[in-house]
Amino acid sequence: MSLDQPADLVKHQTPTRDAFLGGRLTLSQPRNGFRAGLDSVLLGAAVPAGTAKLLDLGAGTGAAGLVALALGRAETALLAERDPQALALAEENVAGNGFAGRAGIVAVDVTAGAAARRAAGLIDNGHDVVIANPPFFAAGRGTSAPQAGRADARHMEAGSLDLWLRCAAACATAGGRVIVIYPAEGLAELLASLHRRFGALDVLPLAPRPGAAATRILVRAIKGSRAPLILRATRVLHGAEGNAFAPEFEAIFRGQACLDW
């Protein structure tokens, strides 16, 4: 829901102000670039209660990490992003929602090497939970977005997903968790990358309607664990007809519940 009404002359230049969690969180977002939505809320709502130090990799304008703070799931959050426009909006969103004392921002390419990552401020073994919503089309697949920021958020080079998860593993504490939301078609690649670094993989498929195939997945895993993989029953976002969300998800999007599984 857009909260501002800019003049038509500058409409294309003005970020929107969008309400999340039933108005508990208001975010500035690029009008035409990559925009946070359902996936970001679900990812933030999946952060386990009692998280002390949360890291949001590829945070964009900060939606997922700030959702976790607004829901009281995390005490502090570090938002890591490389796009300058997104970083500026993330800084605005942190201040505008009263999280200046609990959220930090770092400019970093999460696919860069360890030296560059550390120089930017991402320390090794520093976060008990790491969340990520990585780009989901390999280069050459899908429709490339016209805006550079949106294209970066949707497409990545071959092998980049593994680099994202390598960064997550380096930044997570021993016994720390990583949580990723990703299209279901990428499950095999995601599990292969996670398995090299994490255990206790726990997969939650999400389907749009009853009887439909899952279209996205949430996967959480524990660094250093040897526990086996768990595949959960699919949860359904909508009913058989209409656009209303199922009660479980409606409560999450209104800021009245978290995503526990």
Protein backbone atom coordinates (compact mmCIF):
# COMPACT_ATOMS: atom_id res chain seq x y z
CA MET A 1 0.00 0.00 0.00
CA SER A 2 1.54 3.29 -1.09
CA LEU A 3 1.37 6.06 1.50
CA ASP A 4 2.67 9.02 -0.51
CA GLN A 5 1.11 10.90 -3.40
CA PRO A 6 3.93 12.66 -5.32
CA ALA A 7 3.25 15.03 -8.19
CA ASP A 8 3.09 13.39 -11.62
CA LEU A 9 6.08 15.42 -12.76
CA VAL A 10 8.41 13.74 -10.29
CA LYS A 11 6.48 10.52 -9.73
CA HIS A 12 9.12 8.38 -11.44
CA GLN A 13 11.84 9.85 -9.22
CA THR A 14 10.10 9.60 -5.84
CA PRO A 15 10.30 6.45 -3.72
CA THR A 16 7.03 5.04 -2.48
CA ARG A 17 6.20 4.71 1.20
CA ASP A 18 4.76 1.25 1.79
CA ALA A 19 3.13 -0.19 4.89
CA PHE A 20 3.98 -3.69 6.13
CA LEU A 21 2.75 -5.77 9.05
CA GLY A 22 -0.56 -3.96 9.24
CA GLY A 23 1.17 -0.60 9.46
CA ARG A 24 3.69 -1.53 12.15
CA LEU A 25 6.49 -0.97 9.64
CA THR A 26 6.70 1.64 6.87
CA LEU A 27 9.40 1.35 4.21
CA SER A 28 10.67 3.65 1.48
CA GLN A 29 11.21 1.67 -1.71
CA PRO A 30 12.19 2.49 -5.29
CA ARG A 31 9.09 3.09 -7.36
CA ASN A 32 10.35 1.14 -10.36
CA GLY A 33 13.21 -1.01 -9.02
CA PHE A 34 13.15 -4.21 -7.01
CA ARG A 35 10.44 -3.97 -4.35
CA ALA A 36 10.10 -6.04 -1.21
CA GLY A 37 6.90 -8.00 -0.76
CA LEU A 38 5.62 -11.35 0.37
CA ASP A 39 9.00 -13.13 0.33
CA SER A 40 10.68 -10.47 2.47
CA VAL A 41 7.93 -10.57 5.09
CA LEU A 42 7.97 -14.36 5.26
CA LEU A 43 11.75 -14.40 5.60
CA GLY A 44 11.73 -11.86 8.42
CA ALA A 45 8.84 -13.61 10.14
CA ALA A 46 10.79 -16.90 10.03
CA VAL A 47 13.62 -15.57 12.21
CA PRO A 48 13.55 -17.61 15.44
CA ALA A 49 12.53 -15.91 18.66
CA GLY A 50 15.44 -14.88 20.85
CA THR A 51 17.85 -14.10 18.01
CA ALA A 52 20.53 -11.79 19.39
CA LYS A 53 22.50 -10.84 16.25
CA LEU A 54 20.76 -11.11 12.88
CA LEU A 55 22.50 -10.63 9.51
CA ASP A 56 20.40 -9.92 6.42
CA LEU A 57 22.47 -10.67 3.31
CA GLY A 58 21.46 -8.75 0.19
CA ALA A 59 19.08 -6.77 2.36
CA GLY A 60 17.89 -4.34 -0.31
CA THR A 61 15.97 -1.58 1.47
CA GLY A 62 16.01 -3.63 4.67
CA ALA A 63 12.56 -5.22 4.61
CA ALA A 64 13.29 -8.72 5.94
CA GLY A 65 15.67 -7.63 8.69
CA LEU A 66 13.37 -4.82 9.82
CA VAL A 67 10.37 -7.18 9.82
CA ALA A 68 12.28 -9.39 12.25
CA LEU A 69 12.99 -6.39 14.48
CA ALA A 70 9.40 -5.13 14.31
CA LEU A 71 8.08 -8.56 15.28
CA GLY A 72 10.49 -8.78 18.21
CA ARG A 73 12.24 -11.84 16.82
CA ALA A 74 15.71 -10.26 16.80
CA GLU A 75 17.46 -7.89 19.18
CA THR A 76 19.79 -6.39 16.56
CA ALA A 77 20.15 -6.64 12.79
CA LEU A 78 22.93 -5.87 10.32
CA LEU A 79 21.72 -5.11 6.78
CA ALA A 80 24.29 -6.00 4.10
CA GLU A 81 23.72 -4.66 0.58
CA ARG A 82 25.84 -3.49 -2.36
CA ASP A 83 23.42 -1.26 -4.30
CA PRO A 84 23.90 2.43 -3.37
CA GLN A 85 20.25 3.41 -3.89
CA ALA A 86 19.01 0.50 -1.81
CA LEU A 87 21.54 1.33 0.91
CA ALA A 88 20.35 4.93 1.10
CA LEU A 89 16.74 3.80 1.43
CA ALA A 90 17.69 1.18 4.00
CA GLU A 91 19.34 3.88 6.10
CA GLU A 92 16.16 5.97 5.83
CA ASN A 93 14.03 2.98 6.79
CA VAL A 94 16.13 2.17 9.84
CA ALA A 95 15.84 5.72 11.13
CA GLY A 96 12.22 6.21 10.13
CA ASN A 97 11.06 3.13 12.01
CA GLY A 98 12.97 3.91 15.18
CA PHE A 99 15.60 1.18 14.82
CA ALA A 100 18.71 3.36 14.75
CA GLY A 101 19.95 1.81 17.98
CA ARG A 102 19.27 -1.76 16.89
CA ALA A 103 20.10 -1.92 13.17
CA GLY A 104 23.30 -1.27 11.26
CA ILE A 105 24.05 -1.05 7.54
CA VAL A 106 27.12 -2.24 5.67
CA ALA A 107 27.97 -1.73 1.98
CA VAL A 108 29.31 -5.03 0.69
CA ASP A 109 29.06 -7.46 -2.21
CA VAL A 110 28.26 -10.74 -0.48
CA THR A 111 29.84 -12.68 -3.35
CA ALA A 112 33.22 -10.97 -2.84
CA GLY A 113 36.14 -12.79 -1.28
CA ALA A 114 36.79 -13.10 2.43
CA ALA A 115 39.24 -10.19 2.57
CA ALA A 116 36.80 -7.78 0.92
CA ARG A 117 33.97 -9.01 3.11
CA ARG A 118 35.93 -8.50 6.31
CA ALA A 119 37.20 -5.09 5.19
CA ALA A 120 33.60 -3.99 4.64
CA GLY A 121 32.67 -4.97 8.19
CA LEU A 122 31.24 -8.48 7.94
CA ILE A 123 33.11 -10.37 10.63
CA ASP A 124 33.54 -14.12 10.75
CA ASN A 125 31.41 -16.10 13.21
CA GLY A 126 29.60 -12.93 14.26
CA HIS A 127 25.87 -13.67 13.85
CA ASP A 128 23.64 -16.32 15.36
CA VAL A 129 21.13 -16.10 12.48
CA VAL A 130 21.78 -15.21 8.83
CA ILE A 131 18.88 -14.68 6.42
CA ALA A 132 18.93 -14.30 2.63
CA ASN A 133 16.63 -13.90 -0.34
CA PRO A 134 19.21 -14.43 -3.12
CA PRO A 135 18.67 -13.53 -6.79
CA PHE A 136 16.70 -16.34 -8.30
CA PHE A 137 17.39 -16.45 -12.04
CA ALA A 138 20.67 -17.67 -13.44
CA ALA A 139 22.11 -15.38 -16.07
CA GLY A 140 20.27 -15.87 -19.36
CA ARG A 141 17.08 -17.19 -17.72
CA GLY A 142 13.92 -15.29 -17.00
CA THR A 143 13.18 -11.76 -18.20
CA SER A 144 15.82 -9.23 -17.32
CA ALA A 145 14.47 -6.18 -15.52
CA PRO A 146 15.18 -2.80 -17.18
CA GLN A 147 16.44 -1.18 -13.97
CA ALA A 148 19.95 -2.21 -12.95
CA GLY A 149 19.07 -2.58 -9.26
CA ARG A 150 16.09 -4.75 -9.98
CA ALA A 151 18.06 -6.87 -12.44
CA ASP A 152 20.78 -7.44 -9.84
CA ALA A 153 18.14 -8.50 -7.32
CA ARG A 154 16.59 -11.02 -9.75
CA HIS A 155 19.52 -12.44 -11.74
CA MET A 156 22.93 -13.79 -10.82
CA GLU A 157 25.86 -15.42 -12.52
CA ALA A 158 26.32 -19.18 -12.42
CA GLY A 159 27.83 -20.25 -9.13
CA SER A 160 26.84 -17.08 -7.29
CA LEU A 161 24.32 -18.87 -5.04
CA ASP A 162 27.17 -20.94 -3.63
CA LEU A 163 29.10 -17.73 -2.94
CA TRP A 164 26.11 -16.31 -1.04
CA LEU A 165 25.97 -19.41 1.14
CA ARG A 166 29.72 -19.44 1.63
CA CYS A 167 29.38 -15.90 2.99
CA ALA A 168 26.48 -16.98 5.22
CA ALA A 169 28.52 -19.86 6.62
CA ALA A 170 31.52 -17.63 7.31
CA CYS A 171 29.40 -15.03 9.12
CA ALA A 172 27.33 -17.48 11.19
CA THR A 173 28.48 -18.54 14.63
CA ALA A 174 29.13 -22.20 15.40
CA GLY A 175 25.67 -23.65 15.82
CA GLY A 176 24.19 -20.57 14.13
CA ARG A 177 21.33 -20.77 11.67
CA VAL A 178 20.85 -19.71 8.09
CA ILE A 179 17.37 -19.20 6.63
CA VAL A 180 16.84 -18.80 2.89
CA ILE A 181 13.72 -18.20 0.80
CA TYR A 182 14.02 -19.32 -2.81
CA PRO A 183 11.95 -20.50 -5.80
CA ALA A 184 11.11 -24.20 -5.59
CA GLU A 185 12.75 -24.86 -8.96
CA GLY A 186 16.11 -23.99 -7.40
CA LEU A 187 15.81 -26.43 -4.50
CA ALA A 188 18.41 -28.91 -5.77
CA GLU A 189 21.12 -26.26 -6.18
CA LEU A 190 20.22 -24.65 -2.86
CA LEU A 191 20.39 -27.92 -0.92
CA ALA A 192 23.67 -28.88 -2.57
CA SER A 193 25.28 -25.60 -1.50
CA LEU A 194 23.86 -25.73 2.00
CA HIS A 195 24.84 -29.38 2.54
CA ARG A 196 28.52 -28.55 2.10
CA ARG A 197 28.43 -26.18 5.07
CA PHE A 198 25.36 -26.87 7.22
CA GLY A 199 23.32 -29.70 8.68
CA ALA A 200 19.80 -30.13 10.05
CA LEU A 201 18.38 -28.84 6.77
CA ASP A 202 14.67 -28.17 7.26
CA VAL A 203 12.60 -27.50 4.13
CA LEU A 204 9.17 -25.83 4.16
CA PRO A 205 7.46 -25.78 0.72
CA LEU A 206 4.87 -23.08 0.02
CA ALA A 207 2.16 -23.50 -2.63
CA PRO A 208 -0.19 -20.82 -3.96
CA ARG A 209 -3.36 -22.93 -3.73
CA PRO A 210 -4.56 -26.34 -2.53
CA GLY A 211 -3.36 -29.10 -4.85
CA ALA A 212 -0.86 -26.85 -6.64
CA ALA A 213 2.85 -27.53 -6.79
CA ALA A 214 5.06 -25.58 -4.42
CA THR A 215 6.43 -22.40 -6.01
CA ARG A 216 8.75 -21.22 -3.25
CA ILE A 217 10.60 -22.81 -0.37
CA LEU A 218 11.97 -21.73 2.95
CA VAL A 219 15.04 -23.65 4.09
CA ARG A 220 16.78 -23.32 7.43
CA ALA A 221 19.93 -25.09 8.48
CA ILE A 222 22.41 -25.17 11.37
CA LYS A 223 26.15 -24.62 11.01
CA GLY A 224 28.11 -27.63 12.20
CA SER A 225 25.07 -29.88 12.74
CA ARG A 226 24.99 -33.49 11.56
CA ALA A 227 21.23 -33.92 11.90
CA PRO A 228 19.40 -35.27 8.83
CA LEU A 229 17.25 -33.29 6.41
CA ILE A 230 13.55 -32.76 7.18
CA LEU A 231 10.98 -32.12 4.42
CA ARG A 232 7.86 -30.51 5.88
CA ALA A 233 4.31 -30.73 4.60
CA THR A 234 3.47 -28.02 2.07
CA ARG A 235 1.65 -24.96 3.40
CA VAL A 236 -0.85 -23.15 1.19
CA LEU A 237 -0.93 -19.36 0.83
CA HIS A 238 -4.44 -18.92 -0.63
CA GLY A 239 -7.73 -20.78 -0.75
CA ALA A 240 -9.02 -22.58 -3.82
CA GLU A 241 -10.54 -19.36 -5.17
CA GLY A 242 -9.97 -15.66 -4.73
CA ASN A 243 -6.92 -13.71 -3.62
CA ALA A 244 -7.43 -13.80 0.13
CA PHE A 245 -4.60 -15.33 2.12
CA ALA A 246 -5.12 -18.38 4.30
CA PRO A 247 -5.65 -17.33 7.95
CA GLU A 248 -2.13 -18.41 8.98
CA PHE A 249 -0.52 -16.15 6.39
CA GLU A 250 -3.01 -13.31 6.76
CA ALA A 251 -1.99 -13.10 10.42
CA ILE A 252 1.69 -12.97 9.43
CA PHE A 253 1.20 -10.21 6.86
CA ARG A 254 -0.83 -8.18 9.36
CA GLY A 255 1.97 -8.46 11.92
CA GLN A 256 -0.08 -10.61 14.28
CA ALA A 257 1.94 -13.84 14.00
CA CYS A 258 5.33 -15.23 13.01
CA LEU A 259 6.25 -18.11 10.72
CA ASP A 260 7.17 -21.02 12.94
CA TRP A 261 7.72 -24.54 11.65
